[in-house]
Amino acid sequence: AQAVLGLIGGWIEDYNENHPHSGLKMRSPREVIAAQTEIA
């Protein structure tokens, strides 16, 4: 369990930074947030 808990932070970071989402037109969540921030 400790090994998994140590890896979760990296998994979340990868999911938000690098993983494209079809619901976001194949962009990562952070890319979408950055694009919205630039517009505002």
N, C-alpha and C. Protein backbone atom coordinates (compact mmCIF):
# COMPACT_ATOMS: atom_id res chain seq x y z
N ALA A 1 0.83 -1.20 0.00
CA ALA A 1 0.00 0.00 0.00
C ALA A 1 0.87 1.26 0.00
N GLN A 2 1.96 1.25 0.74
CA GLN A 2 2.83 2.41 0.80
C GLN A 2 3.44 2.71 -0.57
N ALA A 3 3.78 1.67 -1.31
CA ALA A 3 4.37 1.86 -2.64
C ALA A 3 3.38 2.56 -3.57
N VAL A 4 2.13 2.15 -3.51
CA VAL A 4 1.10 2.75 -4.36
C VAL A 4 0.86 4.20 -3.96
N LEU A 5 0.78 4.46 -2.67
CA LEU A 5 0.57 5.83 -2.20
C LEU A 5 1.70 6.75 -2.64
N GLY A 6 2.90 6.22 -2.73
CA GLY A 6 4.02 7.02 -3.19
C GLY A 6 3.97 7.34 -4.67
N LEU A 7 3.23 6.56 -5.44
CA LEU A 7 3.15 6.75 -6.89
C LEU A 7 1.96 7.59 -7.33
N ILE A 8 0.95 7.70 -6.50
CA ILE A 8 -0.29 8.36 -6.89
C ILE A 8 -0.07 9.80 -7.35
N GLY A 9 0.77 10.55 -6.64
CA GLY A 9 1.02 11.94 -7.02
C GLY A 9 1.55 12.05 -8.44
N GLY A 10 2.45 11.17 -8.82
CA GLY A 10 2.99 11.18 -10.18
C GLY A 10 1.94 10.81 -11.21
N TRP A 11 1.08 9.88 -10.85
CA TRP A 11 0.01 9.48 -11.77
C TRP A 11 -0.96 10.64 -12.01
N ILE A 12 -1.32 11.33 -10.96
CA ILE A 12 -2.24 12.46 -11.09
C ILE A 12 -1.60 13.55 -11.94
N GLU A 13 -0.34 13.83 -11.68
CA GLU A 13 0.38 14.85 -12.45
C GLU A 13 0.43 14.48 -13.93
N ASP A 14 0.72 13.22 -14.24
CA ASP A 14 0.77 12.76 -15.63
C ASP A 14 -0.61 12.88 -16.27
N TYR A 15 -1.65 12.51 -15.55
CA TYR A 15 -3.02 12.56 -16.06
C TYR A 15 -3.41 13.99 -16.42
N ASN A 16 -3.03 14.95 -15.57
CA ASN A 16 -3.42 16.34 -15.80
C ASN A 16 -2.51 17.07 -16.77
N GLU A 17 -1.26 16.67 -16.87
CA GLU A 17 -0.29 17.38 -17.72
C GLU A 17 -0.16 16.78 -19.11
N ASN A 18 -0.13 15.47 -19.21
CA ASN A 18 0.27 14.81 -20.45
C ASN A 18 -0.82 14.00 -21.13
N HIS A 19 -1.82 13.61 -20.41
CA HIS A 19 -2.81 12.67 -20.93
C HIS A 19 -3.90 13.42 -21.70
N PRO A 20 -4.02 13.21 -23.02
CA PRO A 20 -5.09 13.87 -23.77
C PRO A 20 -6.44 13.24 -23.48
N HIS A 21 -7.46 14.06 -23.43
CA HIS A 21 -8.82 13.60 -23.15
C HIS A 21 -9.71 13.88 -24.36
N SER A 22 -10.44 12.89 -24.79
CA SER A 22 -11.30 13.08 -25.96
C SER A 22 -12.37 14.13 -25.70
N GLY A 23 -12.86 14.23 -24.48
CA GLY A 23 -13.87 15.23 -24.14
C GLY A 23 -13.34 16.65 -24.17
N LEU A 24 -12.01 16.79 -24.18
CA LEU A 24 -11.37 18.10 -24.24
C LEU A 24 -10.70 18.33 -25.58
N LYS A 25 -11.22 17.65 -26.60
CA LYS A 25 -10.68 17.74 -27.97
C LYS A 25 -9.20 17.36 -28.00
N MET A 26 -8.89 16.26 -27.34
CA MET A 26 -7.56 15.65 -27.28
C MET A 26 -6.50 16.58 -26.67
N ARG A 27 -6.92 17.39 -25.72
CA ARG A 27 -5.98 18.22 -24.97
C ARG A 27 -5.98 17.75 -23.52
N SER A 28 -4.93 18.09 -22.81
CA SER A 28 -4.87 17.75 -21.39
C SER A 28 -5.68 18.79 -20.61
N PRO A 29 -6.12 18.45 -19.40
CA PRO A 29 -6.85 19.43 -18.59
C PRO A 29 -6.06 20.72 -18.38
N ARG A 30 -4.76 20.62 -18.18
CA ARG A 30 -3.96 21.83 -17.96
C ARG A 30 -3.89 22.69 -19.22
N GLU A 31 -3.88 22.06 -20.40
CA GLU A 31 -3.88 22.83 -21.65
C GLU A 31 -5.18 23.61 -21.78
N VAL A 32 -6.29 22.99 -21.42
CA VAL A 32 -7.60 23.65 -21.50
C VAL A 32 -7.64 24.83 -20.54
N ILE A 33 -7.18 24.63 -19.31
CA ILE A 33 -7.17 25.70 -18.32
C ILE A 33 -6.28 26.85 -18.78
N ALA A 34 -5.11 26.53 -19.32
CA ALA A 34 -4.20 27.57 -19.80
C ALA A 34 -4.83 28.37 -20.94
N ALA A 35 -5.52 27.70 -21.84
CA ALA A 35 -6.17 28.39 -22.96
C ALA A 35 -7.28 29.30 -22.47
N GLN A 36 -8.05 28.86 -21.48
CA GLN A 36 -9.13 29.68 -20.94
C GLN A 36 -8.57 30.89 -20.19
N THR A 37 -7.45 30.72 -19.52
CA THR A 37 -6.83 31.81 -18.78
C THR A 37 -6.31 32.88 -19.73
N GLU A 38 -5.77 32.47 -20.87
CA GLU A 38 -5.26 33.43 -21.86
C GLU A 38 -6.38 34.28 -22.43
N ILE A 39 -7.55 33.70 -22.62
CA ILE A 39 -8.69 34.40 -23.21
C ILE A 39 -9.25 35.43 -22.23
N ALA A 40 -9.30 35.09 -20.97
CA ALA A 40 -9.92 35.95 -19.95
C ALA A 40 -9.15 37.16 -19.63
